[in-house]
Amino acid sequence: MDTRSQRRQSEPTETAAGKGTRGGLPSWLVARGLMPETSPKRSFAAATFINQIGKGLFVSGAALFFTRSVGLPVAQVGFALGAAALIGLAAGIPVGHLADRRGPREVFRLAIVVQALAVAALVFVRSVPSLIAVLCVAELATRCLS
């Protein structure tokens, strides 16, 4: 039997999409800059992607929840969401300095815990000032995750 014609299991395969295992899909995405090269970076990119989708769903659902279920006026809910977005926008540079001093991993861990607590606290919101405060804390934590 001729062993030269048999391909080893560990050898990468050539596909139409490019070289690589699993049909060439990861190497194709990496080559075009759509997917990070290393596994930890891929995990972080996937977590960030999922977090941003959840944030988009939250913002649209929060407006309905606080106007219909809680009974807050539409203008005040819009103001609270806008104020939280401005706080998050302004927090980018200070959060970056904090990550430089304390380390990105520790800031990320703390931000996940703070964000979870803030989102859980939204269930207990019944007034506009508490809505603004909780949304600002949640947005600040979200900015730490980006």
Protein backbone atom coordinates (compact mmCIF):
# COMPACT_ATOMS: atom_id res chain seq x y z
CA MET A 1 0.00 0.00 0.00
CA ASP A 2 1.34 3.42 -0.96
CA THR A 3 1.50 5.64 2.14
CA ARG A 4 2.62 8.73 0.23
CA SER A 5 -0.86 9.29 -1.17
CA GLN A 6 -2.53 9.13 2.23
CA ARG A 7 -2.83 12.42 4.09
CA ARG A 8 -2.07 12.54 7.77
CA GLN A 9 -4.89 13.60 10.06
CA SER A 10 -2.90 16.49 11.52
CA GLU A 11 -1.96 18.03 8.15
CA PRO A 12 -3.94 21.10 7.14
CA THR A 13 -6.16 20.69 4.14
CA GLU A 14 -6.38 22.91 1.09
CA THR A 15 -9.88 24.15 0.34
CA ALA A 16 -11.42 26.74 -1.91
CA ALA A 17 -11.59 29.15 1.02
CA GLY A 18 -7.89 28.78 1.81
CA LYS A 19 -5.52 26.68 3.86
CA GLY A 20 -6.49 25.48 7.30
CA THR A 21 -8.42 22.94 9.24
CA ARG A 22 -12.22 22.87 9.39
CA GLY A 23 -12.66 23.65 5.72
CA GLY A 24 -10.49 26.77 5.77
CA LEU A 25 -13.10 28.99 7.40
CA PRO A 26 -11.05 30.26 10.40
CA SER A 27 -7.96 30.98 8.30
CA TRP A 28 -10.09 32.82 5.76
CA LEU A 29 -11.56 35.03 8.48
CA VAL A 30 -8.16 35.60 10.10
CA ALA A 31 -6.52 36.46 6.78
CA ARG A 32 -9.08 39.18 6.11
CA GLY A 33 -8.93 40.59 9.64
CA LEU A 34 -12.47 39.53 10.54
CA MET A 35 -11.41 37.18 13.35
CA PRO A 36 -8.49 37.55 15.80
CA GLU A 37 -5.60 35.14 15.48
CA THR A 38 -5.37 33.66 18.97
CA SER A 39 -7.97 31.84 21.01
CA PRO A 40 -8.13 34.30 23.96
CA LYS A 41 -8.66 37.17 21.55
CA ARG A 42 -11.36 35.19 19.78
CA SER A 43 -13.12 34.52 23.08
CA PHE A 44 -12.99 38.19 24.00
CA ALA A 45 -14.27 39.23 20.56
CA ALA A 46 -17.16 36.75 20.81
CA ALA A 47 -18.05 37.96 24.32
CA THR A 48 -17.98 41.59 23.18
CA PHE A 49 -20.14 40.78 20.15
CA ILE A 50 -22.74 39.00 22.28
CA ASN A 51 -22.67 41.80 24.86
CA GLN A 52 -23.32 44.44 22.20
CA ILE A 53 -26.23 42.49 20.74
CA GLY A 54 -27.70 42.16 24.24
CA LYS A 55 -27.25 45.89 24.82
CA GLY A 56 -29.12 46.71 21.63
CA LEU A 57 -31.97 44.43 22.61
CA PHE A 58 -31.98 45.89 26.12
CA VAL A 59 -32.26 49.50 24.98
CA SER A 60 -35.23 48.80 22.76
CA GLY A 61 -36.91 46.61 25.38
CA ALA A 62 -36.18 48.98 28.26
CA ALA A 63 -38.07 51.82 26.67
CA LEU A 64 -41.15 49.63 26.36
CA PHE A 65 -40.79 48.12 29.82
CA PHE A 66 -40.42 51.41 31.68
CA THR A 67 -43.24 53.12 29.82
CA ARG A 68 -45.76 50.27 29.74
CA SER A 69 -45.05 48.21 32.86
CA VAL A 70 -43.58 50.74 35.28
CA GLY A 71 -45.66 53.65 33.98
CA LEU A 72 -42.95 56.28 33.59
CA PRO A 73 -43.45 59.02 30.99
CA VAL A 74 -41.87 58.41 27.59
CA ALA A 75 -39.92 61.69 27.62
CA GLN A 76 -38.37 60.94 31.01
CA VAL A 77 -37.39 57.40 29.99
CA GLY A 78 -35.79 58.84 26.85
CA PHE A 79 -33.97 61.42 28.96
CA ALA A 80 -32.68 58.70 31.32
CA LEU A 81 -31.43 56.55 28.43
CA GLY A 82 -29.77 59.58 26.84
CA ALA A 83 -28.14 60.67 30.09
CA ALA A 84 -26.77 57.17 30.61
CA ALA A 85 -25.38 57.13 27.07
CA LEU A 86 -23.62 60.46 27.66
CA ILE A 87 -22.13 59.17 30.91
CA GLY A 88 -20.87 56.11 29.07
CA LEU A 89 -19.40 58.27 26.32
CA ALA A 90 -17.59 60.50 28.80
CA ALA A 91 -16.30 57.52 30.79
CA GLY A 92 -14.17 56.06 28.00
CA ILE A 93 -10.88 57.80 28.79
CA PRO A 94 -11.02 57.47 32.62
CA VAL A 95 -11.90 53.78 32.27
CA GLY A 96 -8.91 53.33 29.95
CA HIS A 97 -6.62 54.90 32.56
CA LEU A 98 -8.08 52.63 35.23
CA ALA A 99 -7.43 49.59 33.04
CA ASP A 100 -3.84 50.76 32.52
CA ARG A 101 -3.28 51.07 36.27
CA ARG A 102 -5.16 48.04 37.59
CA GLY A 103 -4.94 45.75 34.59
CA PRO A 104 -7.60 45.01 32.00
CA ARG A 105 -8.52 41.62 33.42
CA GLU A 106 -9.37 42.98 36.88
CA VAL A 107 -11.33 45.92 35.45
CA PHE A 108 -13.22 43.54 33.15
CA ARG A 109 -14.11 41.22 36.05
CA LEU A 110 -15.31 44.07 38.23
CA ALA A 111 -17.30 45.57 35.36
CA ILE A 112 -19.13 42.30 34.72
CA VAL A 113 -20.19 42.08 38.37
CA VAL A 114 -21.24 45.74 38.53
CA GLN A 115 -23.17 45.45 35.27
CA ALA A 116 -25.00 42.33 36.47
CA LEU A 117 -25.98 44.03 39.73
CA ALA A 118 -27.09 47.21 37.96
CA VAL A 119 -29.23 45.34 35.44
CA ALA A 120 -30.76 43.28 38.25
CA ALA A 121 -31.51 46.52 40.12
CA LEU A 122 -33.58 47.77 37.16
CA VAL A 123 -36.37 45.46 38.31
CA PHE A 124 -36.80 47.58 41.43
CA VAL A 125 -36.86 50.97 39.67
CA ARG A 126 -40.10 52.89 40.17
CA SER A 127 -39.03 56.53 39.73
CA VAL A 128 -37.09 58.57 37.20
CA PRO A 129 -34.17 59.54 39.51
CA SER A 130 -33.55 55.91 40.42
CA LEU A 131 -33.82 54.96 36.74
CA ILE A 132 -31.20 57.54 35.81
CA ALA A 133 -28.86 56.41 38.58
CA VAL A 134 -29.12 52.70 37.79
CA LEU A 135 -28.84 53.21 34.03
CA CYS A 136 -25.75 55.40 34.49
CA VAL A 137 -24.06 52.73 36.63
CA ALA A 138 -24.97 50.05 34.09
CA GLU A 139 -23.66 52.15 31.20
CA LEU A 140 -20.45 52.90 33.05
CA ALA A 141 -19.92 49.19 33.58
CA THR A 142 -20.74 48.51 29.93
CA ARG A 143 -18.11 51.05 28.89
CA CYS A 144 -15.56 49.12 30.95
CA LEU A 145 -16.39 46.02 28.94
CA SER A 146 -15.81 47.65 25.56
